[in-house]
Amino acid sequence: MGDTPWLLGDHRTLADAYFIGIARWTRYHEVLDRRDYPKLQGLFERLEADAGVRFAHAIEKGETPQSSGAFQGHIRLAEALRRLPA
């Protein structure tokens, strides 16, 4: 990781989303201590503070997330696939 705040530079990207999705499991599986890697720990903390990440965590926990109001609920995967253009 370089000297930028996010994995690929000055702005969050899909890489950061993948990182937080994977890195948070280190807490559950106790595979490493992120504090041994200060830059990655800093990235983890910045992402954990992100509103989108907090929203996703709330959804996973079955809580009512704080949002802008655009979230209209869940649909099943089969329904999402049905809605895709042919």
C-alpha atoms as a PDB file:
ATOM      1  CA  MET A   1       0.000   0.000   0.000  1.00  0.00           C
ATOM      2  CA  GLY A   2       1.357   3.406  -0.948  1.00  0.00           C
ATOM      3  CA  ASP A   3       0.922   6.779   0.659  1.00  0.00           C
ATOM      4  CA  THR A   4      -2.618   7.384  -0.589  1.00  0.00           C
ATOM      5  CA  PRO A   5      -5.657   7.007   1.654  1.00  0.00           C
ATOM      6  CA  TRP A   6      -7.256   4.262  -0.467  1.00  0.00           C
ATOM      7  CA  LEU A   7      -5.873   1.139  -2.129  1.00  0.00           C
ATOM      8  CA  LEU A   8      -5.713   2.594  -5.632  1.00  0.00           C
ATOM      9  CA  GLY A   9      -5.220   6.273  -4.937  1.00  0.00           C
ATOM     10  CA  ASP A  10      -7.036   9.301  -3.607  1.00  0.00           C
ATOM     11  CA  HIS A  11     -10.570   7.946  -4.113  1.00  0.00           C
ATOM     12  CA  ARG A  12     -12.366   4.826  -2.990  1.00  0.00           C
ATOM     13  CA  THR A  13     -12.762   2.140  -5.632  1.00  0.00           C
ATOM     14  CA  LEU A  14     -14.189  -1.352  -5.910  1.00  0.00           C
ATOM     15  CA  ALA A  15     -10.844  -2.597  -4.563  1.00  0.00           C
ATOM     16  CA  ASP A  16     -11.586  -0.920  -1.235  1.00  0.00           C
ATOM     17  CA  ALA A  17     -15.030  -2.515  -1.142  1.00  0.00           C
ATOM     18  CA  TYR A  18     -13.484  -5.947  -1.676  1.00  0.00           C
ATOM     19  CA  PHE A  19     -10.867  -5.206   0.955  1.00  0.00           C
ATOM     20  CA  ILE A  20     -13.376  -4.345   3.685  1.00  0.00           C
ATOM     21  CA  GLY A  21     -15.482  -7.365   2.783  1.00  0.00           C
ATOM     22  CA  ILE A  22     -12.519  -9.661   3.274  1.00  0.00           C
ATOM     23  CA  ALA A  23     -10.534  -7.843   5.985  1.00  0.00           C
ATOM     24  CA  ARG A  24     -13.406  -7.765   8.441  1.00  0.00           C
ATOM     25  CA  TRP A  25     -13.311 -11.565   8.592  1.00  0.00           C
ATOM     26  CA  THR A  26      -9.849 -11.414  10.174  1.00  0.00           C
ATOM     27  CA  ARG A  27     -11.645 -10.333  13.336  1.00  0.00           C
ATOM     28  CA  TYR A  28     -13.909 -13.405  13.314  1.00  0.00           C
ATOM     29  CA  HIS A  29     -11.344 -15.991  12.259  1.00  0.00           C
ATOM     30  CA  GLU A  30      -8.416 -14.499  14.182  1.00  0.00           C
ATOM     31  CA  VAL A  31      -6.038 -15.213  11.285  1.00  0.00           C
ATOM     32  CA  LEU A  32      -3.864 -12.140  11.887  1.00  0.00           C
ATOM     33  CA  ASP A  33      -3.686  -8.981  13.855  1.00  0.00           C
ATOM     34  CA  ARG A  34      -4.261  -6.065  11.485  1.00  0.00           C
ATOM     35  CA  ARG A  35      -2.435  -3.796  13.924  1.00  0.00           C
ATOM     36  CA  ASP A  36       0.762  -5.489  12.722  1.00  0.00           C
ATOM     37  CA  TYR A  37       0.114  -3.704   9.411  1.00  0.00           C
ATOM     38  CA  PRO A  38      -0.503  -0.046  10.298  1.00  0.00           C
ATOM     39  CA  LYS A  39      -1.395   1.154   6.786  1.00  0.00           C
ATOM     40  CA  LEU A  40      -3.912  -1.634   6.271  1.00  0.00           C
ATOM     41  CA  GLN A  41      -5.318  -1.057   9.753  1.00  0.00           C
ATOM     42  CA  GLY A  42      -5.747   2.628   8.888  1.00  0.00           C
ATOM     43  CA  LEU A  43      -7.543   1.719   5.666  1.00  0.00           C
ATOM     44  CA  PHE A  44      -9.756  -0.689   7.594  1.00  0.00           C
ATOM     45  CA  GLU A  45     -10.664   2.016  10.109  1.00  0.00           C
ATOM     46  CA  ARG A  46     -11.424   4.579   7.379  1.00  0.00           C
ATOM     47  CA  LEU A  47     -13.680   2.104   5.618  1.00  0.00           C
ATOM     48  CA  GLU A  48     -15.425   1.037   8.825  1.00  0.00           C
ATOM     49  CA  ALA A  49     -16.287   4.710   9.365  1.00  0.00           C
ATOM     50  CA  ASP A  50     -17.755   4.990   5.844  1.00  0.00           C
ATOM     51  CA  ALA A  51     -21.539   5.465   5.727  1.00  0.00           C
ATOM     52  CA  GLY A  52     -21.925   2.805   3.034  1.00  0.00           C
ATOM     53  CA  VAL A  53     -20.023   0.230   5.063  1.00  0.00           C
ATOM     54  CA  ARG A  54     -22.032   1.067   8.189  1.00  0.00           C
ATOM     55  CA  PHE A  55     -25.215   0.701   6.101  1.00  0.00           C
ATOM     56  CA  ALA A  56     -24.109  -2.726   4.835  1.00  0.00           C
ATOM     57  CA  HIS A  57     -23.230  -3.903   8.348  1.00  0.00           C
ATOM     58  CA  ALA A  58     -26.655  -2.828   9.616  1.00  0.00           C
ATOM     59  CA  ILE A  59     -28.388  -4.720   6.787  1.00  0.00           C
ATOM     60  CA  GLU A  60     -26.361  -7.860   7.555  1.00  0.00           C
ATOM     61  CA  LYS A  61     -27.314  -7.627  11.231  1.00  0.00           C
ATOM     62  CA  GLY A  62     -31.005  -7.236  10.380  1.00  0.00           C
ATOM     63  CA  GLU A  63     -31.055  -3.712  11.793  1.00  0.00           C
ATOM     64  CA  THR A  64     -32.746  -0.712  10.268  1.00  0.00           C
ATOM     65  CA  PRO A  65     -29.919   1.193   8.620  1.00  0.00           C
ATOM     66  CA  GLN A  66     -29.542   4.932   8.662  1.00  0.00           C
ATOM     67  CA  SER A  67     -29.927   6.014   5.038  1.00  0.00           C
ATOM     68  CA  SER A  68     -30.899   8.745   2.628  1.00  0.00           C
ATOM     69  CA  GLY A  69     -34.224   6.999   2.105  1.00  0.00           C
ATOM     70  CA  ALA A  70     -33.385   5.516  -1.296  1.00  0.00           C
ATOM     71  CA  PHE A  71     -33.184   1.952   0.064  1.00  0.00           C
ATOM     72  CA  GLN A  72     -36.529   0.300  -0.617  1.00  0.00           C
ATOM     73  CA  GLY A  73     -35.874  -3.151   0.735  1.00  0.00           C
ATOM     74  CA  HIS A  74     -34.615  -6.513  -0.428  1.00  0.00           C
ATOM     75  CA  ILE A  75     -35.603  -8.759  -3.280  1.00  0.00           C
ATOM     76  CA  ARG A  76     -34.605 -12.363  -3.864  1.00  0.00           C
ATOM     77  CA  LEU A  77     -31.847 -13.159  -6.350  1.00  0.00           C
ATOM     78  CA  ALA A  78     -34.322 -14.919  -8.640  1.00  0.00           C
ATOM     79  CA  GLU A  79     -36.409 -11.740  -8.794  1.00  0.00           C
ATOM     80  CA  ALA A  80     -33.349  -9.598  -9.520  1.00  0.00           C
ATOM     81  CA  LEU A  81     -32.353 -11.927 -12.345  1.00  0.00           C
ATOM     82  CA  ARG A  82     -35.887 -11.865 -13.736  1.00  0.00           C
ATOM     83  CA  ARG A  83     -35.745  -8.069 -13.888  1.00  0.00           C
ATOM     84  CA  LEU A  84     -32.548  -8.007 -15.946  1.00  0.00           C
ATOM     85  CA  PRO A  85     -32.993  -7.247 -19.633  1.00  0.00           C
ATOM     86  CA  ALA A  86     -32.777 -10.293 -21.867  1.00  0.00           C
END
